[in-house]
């Protein structure tokens, strides 16, 4: 496997964080992007979009459910959105909620007819489903910190690094 694929693969897990501006074609997307949605716990990721376009052989649907200027093709989405017209965005965050368990989002689902989107994963779930599957298939890194270096605040939250409990003292704070 080439170094280019492995190096670029480090950031594939974060692909779906990217808000790509509407483009008629993958090559019109950004060369790189800074993905910083999770900077409260992880450092921002410099995502090499152009390399991923090459790896996907210019087929945007490898990573996205659809491309700009086309109708939704994902069978789950098309059940209701087949007549919605052409899409103007491929950004995951436009359909997948960042916090699917927030009171606001749960109320939106509860108020909707037929509980629409109840089977729709949140943003983090969508990233993991799409990115990790490809990373594992291609032999690219699939550990969390391969793409997301944890910050000190992240270490504190996950009780790791200097915040890890001392050996034999794992339950001291409980």
N, C-alpha and C. Protein backbone atom coordinates (compact mmCIF):
# COMPACT_ATOMS: atom_id res chain seq x y z
N UNK A 1 0.86 -1.17 0.00
CA UNK A 1 0.00 0.00 0.00
C UNK A 1 0.90 1.23 0.00
N UNK A 2 0.55 2.19 -0.80
CA UNK A 2 1.41 3.37 -0.92
C UNK A 2 1.32 4.25 0.31
N UNK A 3 2.42 4.96 0.54
CA UNK A 3 2.47 5.88 1.67
C UNK A 3 1.40 6.96 1.53
N UNK A 4 1.09 7.35 0.29
CA UNK A 4 0.08 8.38 0.03
C UNK A 4 -1.28 7.94 0.56
N UNK A 5 -1.66 6.68 0.34
CA UNK A 5 -2.95 6.19 0.81
C UNK A 5 -2.97 6.13 2.33
N UNK A 6 -1.91 5.62 2.93
CA UNK A 6 -1.86 5.52 4.39
C UNK A 6 -1.88 6.90 5.03
N UNK A 7 -1.08 7.82 4.50
CA UNK A 7 -1.03 9.17 5.07
C UNK A 7 -2.39 9.84 4.96
N UNK A 8 -2.99 9.78 3.81
CA UNK A 8 -4.30 10.38 3.63
C UNK A 8 -5.37 9.65 4.40
N UNK A 9 -5.19 8.36 4.57
CA UNK A 9 -6.15 7.55 5.30
C UNK A 9 -6.28 7.94 6.75
N UNK A 10 -5.25 8.55 7.29
CA UNK A 10 -5.31 8.97 8.69
C UNK A 10 -6.46 9.92 8.95
N UNK A 11 -6.85 10.66 7.95
CA UNK A 11 -7.90 11.65 8.15
C UNK A 11 -9.26 11.22 7.62
N UNK A 12 -9.36 10.06 7.00
CA UNK A 12 -10.64 9.65 6.42
C UNK A 12 -11.75 9.58 7.45
N UNK A 13 -11.44 9.15 8.67
CA UNK A 13 -12.46 9.07 9.70
C UNK A 13 -13.15 10.40 9.91
N UNK A 14 -12.43 11.47 9.67
CA UNK A 14 -13.00 12.80 9.89
C UNK A 14 -13.67 13.38 8.65
N UNK A 15 -13.71 12.67 7.55
CA UNK A 15 -14.24 13.19 6.29
C UNK A 15 -15.62 13.81 6.44
N UNK A 16 -16.48 13.17 7.14
CA UNK A 16 -17.86 13.62 7.17
C UNK A 16 -18.06 14.90 7.97
N UNK A 17 -17.04 15.35 8.68
CA UNK A 17 -17.14 16.62 9.40
C UNK A 17 -17.08 17.79 8.43
N UNK A 18 -16.54 17.53 7.27
CA UNK A 18 -16.29 18.59 6.29
C UNK A 18 -17.58 19.08 5.65
N UNK A 19 -17.75 20.37 5.61
CA UNK A 19 -18.87 20.95 4.87
C UNK A 19 -18.32 21.39 3.54
N UNK A 20 -18.57 20.60 2.52
CA UNK A 20 -18.09 20.92 1.19
C UNK A 20 -19.10 21.83 0.53
N UNK A 21 -18.64 22.90 -0.06
CA UNK A 21 -19.53 23.81 -0.74
C UNK A 21 -20.11 23.12 -1.97
N UNK A 22 -21.31 23.46 -2.35
CA UNK A 22 -21.90 22.82 -3.52
C UNK A 22 -20.97 22.88 -4.72
N UNK A 23 -20.77 21.73 -5.35
CA UNK A 23 -19.90 21.64 -6.51
C UNK A 23 -20.51 20.64 -7.47
N UNK A 24 -20.36 20.87 -8.74
CA UNK A 24 -20.92 19.97 -9.73
C UNK A 24 -20.08 18.72 -9.87
N UNK A 25 -18.89 18.72 -9.30
CA UNK A 25 -17.95 17.65 -9.58
C UNK A 25 -16.93 17.59 -8.44
N UNK A 26 -16.47 16.41 -8.09
CA UNK A 26 -15.58 16.23 -6.94
C UNK A 26 -14.32 17.07 -7.03
N UNK A 27 -13.80 17.23 -8.22
CA UNK A 27 -12.55 17.96 -8.36
C UNK A 27 -12.72 19.45 -8.05
N UNK A 28 -13.95 19.93 -8.02
CA UNK A 28 -14.19 21.32 -7.66
C UNK A 28 -14.24 21.51 -6.16
N UNK A 29 -14.19 20.43 -5.39
CA UNK A 29 -14.16 20.51 -3.94
C UNK A 29 -12.79 21.01 -3.48
N UNK A 30 -12.64 21.20 -2.19
CA UNK A 30 -11.38 21.72 -1.66
C UNK A 30 -10.25 20.69 -1.76
N UNK A 31 -9.03 21.17 -1.89
CA UNK A 31 -7.86 20.27 -1.86
C UNK A 31 -7.72 19.68 -0.46
N UNK A 32 -7.75 20.56 0.54
CA UNK A 32 -7.66 20.15 1.94
C UNK A 32 -8.67 20.95 2.74
N UNK A 33 -8.95 20.50 3.92
CA UNK A 33 -9.85 21.22 4.82
C UNK A 33 -9.43 20.94 6.25
N UNK A 34 -9.68 21.89 7.11
CA UNK A 34 -9.43 21.71 8.54
C UNK A 34 -10.74 21.29 9.18
N UNK A 35 -10.73 20.14 9.81
CA UNK A 35 -11.92 19.59 10.46
C UNK A 35 -11.76 19.83 11.96
N UNK A 36 -12.64 20.64 12.51
CA UNK A 36 -12.44 21.05 13.90
C UNK A 36 -13.69 20.95 14.76
N UNK A 37 -14.61 20.10 14.39
CA UNK A 37 -15.85 19.96 15.15
C UNK A 37 -15.62 19.42 16.56
N UNK A 38 -14.61 18.61 16.75
CA UNK A 38 -14.38 17.97 18.04
C UNK A 38 -13.21 18.57 18.82
N UNK A 39 -12.89 19.83 18.56
CA UNK A 39 -11.70 20.41 19.19
C UNK A 39 -11.82 20.58 20.70
N UNK A 40 -12.99 20.34 21.27
CA UNK A 40 -13.06 20.38 22.73
C UNK A 40 -12.32 19.19 23.34
N UNK A 41 -12.16 18.10 22.60
CA UNK A 41 -11.46 16.92 23.12
C UNK A 41 -10.30 16.47 22.24
N UNK A 42 -10.29 16.88 20.97
CA UNK A 42 -9.27 16.45 20.02
C UNK A 42 -8.74 17.64 19.23
N UNK A 43 -7.49 17.55 18.78
CA UNK A 43 -6.93 18.60 17.93
C UNK A 43 -7.62 18.55 16.56
N UNK A 44 -7.62 19.68 15.88
CA UNK A 44 -8.20 19.74 14.53
C UNK A 44 -7.41 18.82 13.60
N UNK A 45 -8.07 18.33 12.58
CA UNK A 45 -7.46 17.42 11.60
C UNK A 45 -7.35 18.16 10.27
N UNK A 46 -6.19 18.06 9.64
CA UNK A 46 -6.03 18.57 8.29
C UNK A 46 -6.39 17.43 7.35
N UNK A 47 -7.54 17.54 6.71
CA UNK A 47 -8.07 16.47 5.88
C UNK A 47 -7.71 16.70 4.42
N UNK A 48 -7.10 15.70 3.80
CA UNK A 48 -6.68 15.77 2.42
C UNK A 48 -7.81 15.25 1.51
N UNK A 49 -8.72 16.15 1.15
CA UNK A 49 -9.86 15.78 0.32
C UNK A 49 -9.43 15.31 -1.07
N UNK A 50 -8.47 16.01 -1.67
CA UNK A 50 -8.03 15.67 -3.03
C UNK A 50 -7.50 14.23 -3.09
N UNK A 51 -6.74 13.81 -2.09
CA UNK A 51 -6.21 12.45 -2.07
C UNK A 51 -7.36 11.45 -1.97
N UNK A 52 -8.37 11.74 -1.16
CA UNK A 52 -9.50 10.83 -1.01
C UNK A 52 -10.32 10.76 -2.30
N UNK A 53 -10.41 11.85 -3.02
CA UNK A 53 -11.09 11.85 -4.32
C UNK A 53 -10.35 10.89 -5.25
N UNK A 54 -9.01 10.94 -5.23
CA UNK A 54 -8.22 10.03 -6.05
C UNK A 54 -8.43 8.57 -5.64
N UNK A 55 -8.40 8.30 -4.33
CA UNK A 55 -8.58 6.93 -3.83
C UNK A 55 -9.96 6.40 -4.23
N UNK A 56 -10.95 7.27 -4.22
CA UNK A 56 -12.32 6.87 -4.57
C UNK A 56 -12.55 6.90 -6.09
N UNK A 57 -11.49 7.10 -6.86
CA UNK A 57 -11.57 7.13 -8.33
C UNK A 57 -12.62 8.12 -8.81
N UNK A 58 -12.63 9.30 -8.20
CA UNK A 58 -13.54 10.39 -8.56
C UNK A 58 -15.02 10.02 -8.42
N UNK A 59 -15.33 9.02 -7.61
CA UNK A 59 -16.71 8.61 -7.38
C UNK A 59 -17.13 9.12 -6.00
N UNK A 60 -17.78 10.26 -5.96
CA UNK A 60 -18.17 10.90 -4.71
C UNK A 60 -19.04 10.00 -3.84
N UNK A 61 -19.82 9.12 -4.48
CA UNK A 61 -20.73 8.28 -3.72
C UNK A 61 -20.01 7.23 -2.87
N UNK A 62 -18.72 7.06 -3.06
CA UNK A 62 -17.96 6.17 -2.19
C UNK A 62 -18.03 6.68 -0.75
N UNK A 63 -17.97 7.99 -0.58
CA UNK A 63 -18.01 8.59 0.75
C UNK A 63 -19.34 9.26 1.07
N UNK A 64 -19.98 9.82 0.05
CA UNK A 64 -21.22 10.57 0.26
C UNK A 64 -22.39 9.78 -0.30
N UNK A 65 -23.60 9.99 0.28
CA UNK A 65 -24.80 9.32 -0.22
C UNK A 65 -25.19 9.81 -1.61
N UNK A 66 -24.73 11.00 -1.95
CA UNK A 66 -25.10 11.62 -3.21
C UNK A 66 -24.08 12.71 -3.52
N UNK A 67 -24.17 13.26 -4.69
CA UNK A 67 -23.30 14.38 -5.04
C UNK A 67 -24.19 15.59 -5.33
N UNK A 68 -23.60 16.76 -5.30
CA UNK A 68 -24.40 17.96 -5.57
C UNK A 68 -24.92 17.89 -7.00
N UNK A 69 -26.12 18.37 -7.16
CA UNK A 69 -26.73 18.39 -8.48
C UNK A 69 -27.39 17.09 -8.87
N UNK A 70 -27.44 16.11 -7.96
CA UNK A 70 -28.10 14.84 -8.25
C UNK A 70 -29.20 14.60 -7.22
N UNK A 71 -30.06 13.65 -7.49
CA UNK A 71 -31.08 13.28 -6.51
C UNK A 71 -30.46 12.31 -5.51
N UNK A 72 -31.09 12.20 -4.37
CA UNK A 72 -30.64 11.26 -3.34
C UNK A 72 -30.75 9.85 -3.89
N UNK A 73 -29.70 9.05 -3.71
CA UNK A 73 -29.73 7.68 -4.21
C UNK A 73 -29.70 6.64 -3.09
N UNK A 74 -29.30 7.03 -1.89
CA UNK A 74 -29.27 6.08 -0.78
C UNK A 74 -30.70 5.57 -0.56
N UNK A 75 -30.87 4.25 -0.56
CA UNK A 75 -32.22 3.68 -0.50
C UNK A 75 -32.99 4.10 0.75
N UNK A 76 -32.28 4.28 1.88
CA UNK A 76 -32.99 4.69 3.10
C UNK A 76 -33.52 6.11 2.97
N UNK A 77 -32.72 6.99 2.38
CA UNK A 77 -33.14 8.38 2.21
C UNK A 77 -34.20 8.50 1.11
N UNK A 78 -34.01 7.74 0.04
CA UNK A 78 -34.90 7.84 -1.12
C UNK A 78 -36.31 7.37 -0.82
N UNK A 79 -36.50 6.59 0.24
CA UNK A 79 -37.86 6.17 0.59
C UNK A 79 -38.79 7.38 0.70
N UNK A 80 -38.27 8.46 1.25
CA UNK A 80 -39.10 9.67 1.41
C UNK A 80 -38.64 10.82 0.52
N UNK A 81 -37.37 10.85 0.17
CA UNK A 81 -36.79 11.99 -0.53
C UNK A 81 -36.56 11.77 -2.02
N UNK A 82 -37.14 10.73 -2.61
CA UNK A 82 -36.88 10.44 -4.02
C UNK A 82 -37.38 11.54 -4.95
N UNK A 83 -38.35 12.31 -4.52
CA UNK A 83 -38.88 13.39 -5.35
C UNK A 83 -38.47 14.77 -4.83
N UNK A 84 -37.43 14.81 -4.03
CA UNK A 84 -37.01 16.07 -3.41
C UNK A 84 -36.22 16.97 -4.33
N UNK A 85 -35.86 16.52 -5.50
CA UNK A 85 -35.07 17.35 -6.40
C UNK A 85 -33.58 17.16 -6.18
N UNK A 86 -32.81 17.94 -6.90
CA UNK A 86 -31.36 17.83 -6.82
C UNK A 86 -30.85 18.36 -5.49
N UNK A 87 -29.79 17.72 -5.01
CA UNK A 87 -29.21 18.15 -3.74
C UNK A 87 -28.24 19.30 -3.95
N UNK A 88 -28.13 20.13 -2.95
CA UNK A 88 -27.23 21.28 -3.04
C UNK A 88 -26.04 21.15 -2.12
N UNK A 89 -26.00 20.09 -1.32
CA UNK A 89 -24.90 19.91 -0.37
C UNK A 89 -24.61 18.44 -0.17
N UNK A 90 -23.36 18.12 0.08
CA UNK A 90 -22.98 16.75 0.42
C UNK A 90 -22.50 16.68 1.87
N UNK A 91 -22.64 17.77 2.60
CA UNK A 91 -22.16 17.81 3.99
C UNK A 91 -23.01 16.91 4.87
N UNK A 92 -22.36 16.03 5.57
CA UNK A 92 -23.06 15.09 6.46
C UNK A 92 -23.88 15.81 7.51
N UNK A 93 -23.33 16.91 8.01
CA UNK A 93 -24.01 17.64 9.09
C UNK A 93 -25.32 18.26 8.62
N UNK A 94 -25.58 18.31 7.32
CA UNK A 94 -26.85 18.84 6.84
C UNK A 94 -28.00 17.86 7.07
N UNK A 95 -27.70 16.58 7.23
CA UNK A 95 -28.74 15.59 7.49
C UNK A 95 -28.55 14.86 8.82
N UNK A 96 -27.32 14.65 9.23
CA UNK A 96 -27.04 13.91 10.46
C UNK A 96 -26.81 14.89 11.61
N UNK A 97 -27.61 14.83 12.67
CA UNK A 97 -27.48 15.78 13.77
C UNK A 97 -26.20 15.55 14.57
N UNK A 98 -25.56 16.64 14.97
CA UNK A 98 -24.33 16.54 15.77
C UNK A 98 -24.63 15.94 17.14
N UNK A 99 -25.78 16.23 17.69
CA UNK A 99 -26.16 15.70 19.00
C UNK A 99 -27.55 15.06 18.89
N UNK A 100 -27.60 13.80 18.46
CA UNK A 100 -28.89 13.16 18.23
C UNK A 100 -29.70 12.91 19.50
N UNK A 101 -29.07 13.09 20.66
CA UNK A 101 -29.78 12.85 21.92
C UNK A 101 -30.09 14.14 22.66
N UNK A 102 -29.93 15.27 21.98
CA UNK A 102 -30.27 16.54 22.60
C UNK A 102 -31.79 16.64 22.72
N UNK A 103 -32.25 17.40 23.69
CA UNK A 103 -33.69 17.58 23.87
C UNK A 103 -34.31 18.17 22.61
N UNK A 104 -33.62 19.10 21.98
CA UNK A 104 -34.13 19.75 20.77
C UNK A 104 -34.35 18.73 19.65
N UNK A 105 -33.36 17.87 19.41
CA UNK A 105 -33.48 16.89 18.32
C UNK A 105 -34.54 15.83 18.65
N UNK A 106 -34.56 15.35 19.89
CA UNK A 106 -35.55 14.35 20.26
C UNK A 106 -36.97 14.91 20.14
N UNK A 107 -37.14 16.19 20.46
CA UNK A 107 -38.46 16.81 20.31
C UNK A 107 -38.84 16.92 18.84
N UNK A 108 -37.85 17.25 18.00
CA UNK A 108 -38.10 17.35 16.55
C UNK A 108 -38.59 16.01 16.00
N UNK A 109 -37.97 14.93 16.43
CA UNK A 109 -38.40 13.59 15.98
C UNK A 109 -39.79 13.28 16.52
N UNK A 110 -40.02 13.58 17.79
CA UNK A 110 -41.32 13.28 18.40
C UNK A 110 -42.45 14.06 17.75
N UNK A 111 -42.17 15.29 17.31
CA UNK A 111 -43.20 16.13 16.70
C UNK A 111 -43.46 15.80 15.24
N UNK A 112 -42.58 15.04 14.63
CA UNK A 112 -42.69 14.76 13.20
C UNK A 112 -43.71 13.66 12.93
N UNK A 113 -44.38 13.74 11.80
CA UNK A 113 -45.32 12.66 11.46
C UNK A 113 -44.54 11.37 11.21
N UNK A 114 -45.06 10.28 11.71
CA UNK A 114 -44.48 8.94 11.51
C UNK A 114 -43.06 8.80 12.06
N UNK A 115 -42.68 9.65 12.98
CA UNK A 115 -41.35 9.57 13.59
C UNK A 115 -40.25 9.45 12.53
N UNK A 116 -40.25 10.35 11.56
CA UNK A 116 -39.26 10.30 10.50
C UNK A 116 -37.84 10.40 11.07
N UNK A 117 -36.92 9.83 10.37
CA UNK A 117 -35.49 9.86 10.70
C UNK A 117 -35.15 9.18 12.02
N UNK A 118 -36.03 8.37 12.54
CA UNK A 118 -35.74 7.71 13.81
C UNK A 118 -34.60 6.70 13.65
N UNK A 119 -34.38 6.21 12.42
CA UNK A 119 -33.31 5.25 12.16
C UNK A 119 -32.04 5.93 11.64
N UNK A 120 -32.03 7.24 11.60
CA UNK A 120 -30.90 7.99 11.07
C UNK A 120 -29.81 8.14 12.14
N UNK A 121 -28.58 7.71 11.85
CA UNK A 121 -27.52 7.87 12.85
C UNK A 121 -27.13 9.33 13.01
N UNK A 122 -26.63 9.66 14.18
CA UNK A 122 -26.09 10.99 14.40
C UNK A 122 -24.81 11.16 13.60
N UNK A 123 -24.26 12.34 13.66
CA UNK A 123 -23.07 12.68 12.89
C UNK A 123 -21.89 11.75 13.20
N UNK A 124 -21.63 11.55 14.47
CA UNK A 124 -20.51 10.69 14.86
C UNK A 124 -20.73 9.25 14.36
N UNK A 125 -21.96 8.75 14.47
CA UNK A 125 -22.26 7.41 13.98
C UNK A 125 -22.09 7.31 12.47
N UNK A 126 -22.50 8.35 11.75
CA UNK A 126 -22.36 8.36 10.30
C UNK A 126 -20.89 8.33 9.90
N UNK A 127 -20.05 9.10 10.60
CA UNK A 127 -18.60 9.09 10.31
C UNK A 127 -18.04 7.70 10.52
N UNK A 128 -18.36 7.13 11.67
CA UNK A 128 -17.78 5.83 11.99
C UNK A 128 -18.24 4.76 11.00
N UNK A 129 -19.49 4.75 10.63
CA UNK A 129 -19.98 3.76 9.67
C UNK A 129 -19.26 3.89 8.34
N UNK A 130 -19.17 5.09 7.84
CA UNK A 130 -18.62 5.30 6.49
C UNK A 130 -17.10 5.21 6.48
N UNK A 131 -16.46 5.93 7.35
CA UNK A 131 -14.99 6.04 7.32
C UNK A 131 -14.29 4.78 7.81
N UNK A 132 -14.72 4.26 8.95
CA UNK A 132 -14.03 3.10 9.50
C UNK A 132 -14.16 1.87 8.62
N UNK A 133 -15.32 1.69 8.01
CA UNK A 133 -15.49 0.54 7.11
C UNK A 133 -14.47 0.58 5.98
N UNK A 134 -14.31 1.73 5.37
CA UNK A 134 -13.36 1.88 4.27
C UNK A 134 -11.93 1.74 4.78
N UNK A 135 -11.63 2.37 5.90
CA UNK A 135 -10.28 2.28 6.45
C UNK A 135 -9.90 0.82 6.71
N UNK A 136 -10.80 0.06 7.30
CA UNK A 136 -10.51 -1.35 7.59
C UNK A 136 -10.36 -2.14 6.30
N UNK A 137 -11.23 -1.89 5.34
CA UNK A 137 -11.17 -2.59 4.05
C UNK A 137 -9.86 -2.31 3.32
N UNK A 138 -9.37 -1.08 3.40
CA UNK A 138 -8.16 -0.68 2.67
C UNK A 138 -6.88 -0.88 3.49
N UNK A 139 -7.03 -1.31 4.74
CA UNK A 139 -5.86 -1.49 5.59
C UNK A 139 -5.28 -0.18 6.08
N UNK A 140 -6.09 0.86 6.09
CA UNK A 140 -5.64 2.17 6.58
C UNK A 140 -5.84 2.21 8.09
N UNK A 141 -5.19 3.15 8.77
CA UNK A 141 -5.32 3.23 10.23
C UNK A 141 -6.78 3.39 10.64
N UNK A 142 -7.16 2.70 11.71
CA UNK A 142 -8.54 2.79 12.17
C UNK A 142 -8.64 3.02 13.67
N UNK A 143 -7.54 3.35 14.32
CA UNK A 143 -7.58 3.68 15.73
C UNK A 143 -8.00 5.15 15.86
N UNK A 144 -8.69 5.48 16.92
CA UNK A 144 -9.20 6.85 17.10
C UNK A 144 -8.11 7.90 16.94
N UNK A 145 -7.01 7.71 17.65
CA UNK A 145 -5.98 8.74 17.65
C UNK A 145 -5.11 8.74 16.40
N UNK A 146 -5.37 7.82 15.47
CA UNK A 146 -4.67 7.89 14.19
C UNK A 146 -5.11 9.13 13.43
N UNK A 147 -6.36 9.52 13.63
CA UNK A 147 -6.90 10.72 12.99
C UNK A 147 -7.05 11.88 13.96
N UNK A 148 -7.36 11.57 15.19
CA UNK A 148 -7.69 12.60 16.18
C UNK A 148 -6.73 12.54 17.36
N UNK A 149 -5.75 13.44 17.38
CA UNK A 149 -4.86 13.49 18.54
C UNK A 149 -5.62 14.16 19.68
N UNK A 150 -5.65 13.50 20.80
CA UNK A 150 -6.42 14.00 21.93
C UNK A 150 -5.73 15.20 22.59
N UNK A 151 -6.53 16.15 23.03
CA UNK A 151 -6.01 17.32 23.74
C UNK A 151 -5.90 16.98 25.23
N UNK A 152 -5.34 17.88 26.00
CA UNK A 152 -5.26 17.67 27.45
C UNK A 152 -6.66 17.55 28.05
N UNK A 153 -7.59 18.37 27.57
CA UNK A 153 -8.97 18.29 28.04
C UNK A 153 -9.57 16.92 27.68
N UNK A 154 -9.22 16.40 26.50
CA UNK A 154 -9.67 15.08 26.11
C UNK A 154 -9.08 13.99 27.00
N UNK A 155 -7.79 14.13 27.33
CA UNK A 155 -7.17 13.17 28.25
C UNK A 155 -7.88 13.19 29.60
N UNK A 156 -8.22 14.38 30.09
CA UNK A 156 -8.92 14.48 31.37
C UNK A 156 -10.29 13.82 31.27
N UNK A 157 -11.00 14.08 30.18
CA UNK A 157 -12.33 13.52 29.99
C UNK A 157 -12.28 11.99 29.94
N UNK A 158 -11.30 11.45 29.21
CA UNK A 158 -11.18 9.99 29.05
C UNK A 158 -10.30 9.34 30.12
N UNK A 159 -9.84 10.14 31.09
CA UNK A 159 -8.99 9.66 32.18
C UNK A 159 -7.79 8.89 31.64
N UNK A 160 -7.06 9.53 30.74
CA UNK A 160 -5.87 8.92 30.16
C UNK A 160 -4.70 9.87 30.31
N UNK A 161 -3.51 9.42 29.83
CA UNK A 161 -2.32 10.25 29.97
C UNK A 161 -2.06 10.55 31.43
N UNK A 162 -1.75 11.79 31.74
CA UNK A 162 -1.45 12.15 33.13
C UNK A 162 -2.68 12.08 34.03
N UNK A 163 -3.86 11.92 33.45
CA UNK A 163 -5.10 11.83 34.22
C UNK A 163 -5.54 10.39 34.48
N UNK A 164 -4.77 9.43 33.98
CA UNK A 164 -5.11 8.02 34.17
C UNK A 164 -4.93 7.64 35.64
N UNK A 165 -5.80 6.79 36.15
CA UNK A 165 -5.65 6.36 37.55
C UNK A 165 -4.36 5.56 37.72
N UNK A 166 -3.79 5.65 38.89
CA UNK A 166 -2.56 4.90 39.18
C UNK A 166 -2.88 3.41 39.15
N UNK A 167 -1.91 2.61 38.77
CA UNK A 167 -2.08 1.17 38.71
C UNK A 167 -2.56 0.66 40.06
N UNK A 168 -3.58 -0.19 40.05
CA UNK A 168 -4.14 -0.74 41.27
C UNK A 168 -5.07 0.21 41.98
N UNK A 169 -5.27 1.41 41.41
CA UNK A 169 -6.10 2.42 42.05
C UNK A 169 -7.19 2.89 41.09
N UNK A 170 -7.66 2.00 40.19
CA UNK A 170 -8.60 2.36 39.14
C UNK A 170 -9.94 2.87 39.68
N UNK A 171 -10.36 2.42 40.86
CA UNK A 171 -11.67 2.78 41.38
C UNK A 171 -11.58 3.80 42.52
N UNK A 172 -10.47 4.46 42.66
CA UNK A 172 -10.25 5.37 43.78
C UNK A 172 -11.24 6.52 43.81
N UNK A 173 -11.67 7.00 42.65
CA UNK A 173 -12.57 8.16 42.62
C UNK A 173 -14.04 7.77 42.62
N UNK A 174 -14.35 6.51 42.67
CA UNK A 174 -15.76 6.07 42.63
C UNK A 174 -16.35 5.99 44.00
